[in-house]
C-alpha atoms as a PDB file:
ATOM      1  CA  MET A   1     -19.678   3.934  -2.832  1.00  0.00           C
ATOM      2  CA  PRO A   2     -16.627   5.209  -0.905  1.00  0.00           C
ATOM      3  CA  LYS A   3     -13.176   4.172  -2.077  1.00  0.00           C
ATOM      4  CA  ARG A   4     -11.103   1.916   0.164  1.00  0.00           C
ATOM      5  CA  VAL A   5      -8.076   3.477   1.856  1.00  0.00           C
ATOM      6  CA  LEU A   6      -5.187   1.348   3.162  1.00  0.00           C
ATOM      7  CA  GLN A   7      -1.954   2.192   4.961  1.00  0.00           C
ATOM      8  CA  GLY A   8       1.353   0.446   4.387  1.00  0.00           C
ATOM      9  CA  VAL A   9       5.105   0.649   3.890  1.00  0.00           C
ATOM     10  CA  VAL A  10       6.791   1.352   0.539  1.00  0.00           C
ATOM     11  CA  VAL A  11       8.990  -1.671  -0.250  1.00  0.00           C
ATOM     12  CA  SER A  12      10.036  -0.751  -3.812  1.00  0.00           C
ATOM     13  CA  ASP A  13      10.354   2.497  -5.751  1.00  0.00           C
ATOM     14  CA  LYS A  14      12.348   1.183  -8.719  1.00  0.00           C
ATOM     15  CA  ASN A  15       9.570   1.498 -11.310  1.00  0.00           C
ATOM     16  CA  GLU A  16       8.703   4.772 -12.991  1.00  0.00           C
ATOM     17  CA  LYS A  17       5.437   6.271 -11.633  1.00  0.00           C
ATOM     18  CA  THR A  18       4.843   3.161  -9.475  1.00  0.00           C
ATOM     19  CA  VAL A  19       5.604   2.181  -5.885  1.00  0.00           C
ATOM     20  CA  VAL A  20       4.995  -1.199  -4.278  1.00  0.00           C
ATOM     21  CA  VAL A  21       3.295  -0.913  -0.882  1.00  0.00           C
ATOM     22  CA  ASN A  22       3.196  -3.736   1.673  1.00  0.00           C
ATOM     23  CA  VAL A  23      -0.043  -3.616   3.692  1.00  0.00           C
ATOM     24  CA  GLU A  24      -0.275  -5.701   6.866  1.00  0.00           C
ATOM     25  CA  ARG A  25      -3.560  -6.623   8.504  1.00  0.00           C
ATOM     26  CA  ARG A  26      -4.163  -8.267  11.871  1.00  0.00           C
ATOM     27  CA  PHE A  27      -7.179 -10.318  12.812  1.00  0.00           C
ATOM     28  CA  THR A  28      -8.241 -12.937  15.306  1.00  0.00           C
ATOM     29  CA  HIS A  29      -8.253 -16.455  13.895  1.00  0.00           C
ATOM     30  CA  PRO A  30     -11.820 -17.830  13.989  1.00  0.00           C
ATOM     31  CA  VAL A  31     -10.870 -21.257  15.415  1.00  0.00           C
ATOM     32  CA  MET A  32      -7.633 -20.728  17.350  1.00  0.00           C
ATOM     33  CA  GLY A  33      -8.565 -17.318  18.753  1.00  0.00           C
ATOM     34  CA  LYS A  34      -4.976 -16.226  18.161  1.00  0.00           C
ATOM     35  CA  THR A  35      -4.016 -12.898  16.555  1.00  0.00           C
ATOM     36  CA  VAL A  36      -2.693 -13.565  13.053  1.00  0.00           C
ATOM     37  CA  ARG A  37      -0.716 -11.226  10.754  1.00  0.00           C
ATOM     38  CA  ARG A  38      -1.228 -11.298   6.979  1.00  0.00           C
ATOM     39  CA  SER A  39       0.422  -9.019   4.456  1.00  0.00           C
ATOM     40  CA  LYS A  40      -0.175  -8.207   0.806  1.00  0.00           C
ATOM     41  CA  LYS A  41       1.693  -6.073  -1.715  1.00  0.00           C
ATOM     42  CA  TYR A  42      -0.119  -3.501  -3.839  1.00  0.00           C
ATOM     43  CA  HIS A  43       1.235  -1.613  -6.863  1.00  0.00           C
ATOM     44  CA  ALA A  44       0.247   2.040  -6.479  1.00  0.00           C
ATOM     45  CA  HIS A  45       0.455   4.916  -8.959  1.00  0.00           C
ATOM     46  CA  VAL A  46       2.458   8.089  -8.269  1.00  0.00           C
ATOM     47  CA  GLU A  47       3.137  10.912 -10.715  1.00  0.00           C
ATOM     48  CA  THR A  48       6.439  11.998  -9.153  1.00  0.00           C
ATOM     49  CA  GLY A  49       9.265  10.015  -7.575  1.00  0.00           C
ATOM     50  CA  GLU A  50       8.882  11.617  -4.148  1.00  0.00           C
ATOM     51  CA  TYR A  51       8.245   8.376  -2.222  1.00  0.00           C
ATOM     52  CA  LYS A  52      11.191   6.267  -1.077  1.00  0.00           C
ATOM     53  CA  VAL A  53      11.571   2.790   0.428  1.00  0.00           C
ATOM     54  CA  GLY A  54      10.575   2.833   4.106  1.00  0.00           C
ATOM     55  CA  ASP A  55       7.962   5.609   3.825  1.00  0.00           C
ATOM     56  CA  ILE A  56       4.603   4.854   5.398  1.00  0.00           C
ATOM     57  CA  VAL A  57       1.880   5.929   2.956  1.00  0.00           C
ATOM     58  CA  ARG A  58      -1.879   5.820   2.472  1.00  0.00           C
ATOM     59  CA  ILE A  59      -3.180   4.361  -0.782  1.00  0.00           C
ATOM     60  CA  GLN A  60      -6.666   4.704  -2.242  1.00  0.00           C
ATOM     61  CA  GLU A  61      -8.560   2.555  -4.708  1.00  0.00           C
ATOM     62  CA  CYS A  62      -8.897   3.993  -8.218  1.00  0.00           C
ATOM     63  CA  ARG A  63      -9.765   2.927 -11.753  1.00  0.00           C
ATOM     64  CA  PRO A  64      -7.462   0.296 -13.279  1.00  0.00           C
ATOM     65  CA  ILE A  65      -4.372   2.057 -14.657  1.00  0.00           C
ATOM     66  CA  SER A  66      -2.590  -1.104 -15.834  1.00  0.00           C
ATOM     67  CA  LYS A  67      -2.694  -4.862 -15.316  1.00  0.00           C
ATOM     68  CA  LEU A  68      -1.397  -4.599 -11.735  1.00  0.00           C
ATOM     69  CA  LYS A  69      -2.170  -0.985 -10.760  1.00  0.00           C
ATOM     70  CA  SER A  70      -5.597  -0.049  -9.428  1.00  0.00           C
ATOM     71  CA  TRP A  71      -4.422   1.950  -6.398  1.00  0.00           C
ATOM     72  CA  GLU A  72      -2.927   5.431  -6.083  1.00  0.00           C
ATOM     73  CA  VAL A  73      -0.887   7.033  -3.305  1.00  0.00           C
ATOM     74  CA  VAL A  74      -2.860   9.686  -1.422  1.00  0.00           C
ATOM     75  CA  GLU A  75      -0.337  10.943   1.147  1.00  0.00           C
ATOM     76  CA  ARG A  76       2.822  10.209   3.102  1.00  0.00           C
ATOM     77  CA  VAL A  77       2.157   9.489   6.782  1.00  0.00           C
ATOM     78  CA  VAL A  78       5.754   9.010   8.013  1.00  0.00           C
ATOM     79  CA  THR A  79       9.086   9.425   6.236  1.00  0.00           C
ATOM     80  CA  GLY A  80      11.262   6.319   6.522  1.00  0.00           C
ATOM     81  CA  LYS A  81      15.027   5.829   6.899  1.00  0.00           C
END
């Protein structure tokens, strides 16, 4: 089964070997028919501290690394700030 890949913005890089990525999704509401935005934060694993707040990154599902971390950063799409 292929691993899920999501794209989002790094909102925190304060932890060692972890970044927090905010992923926003848009969908049409089933009843109202209006476009709705929902966001969720994911803790993602990184070996080095090369990602900073504002970077747009891709994260990929992986085995559970800790209680909160089951995603890892694959690549940087855009450098922020």
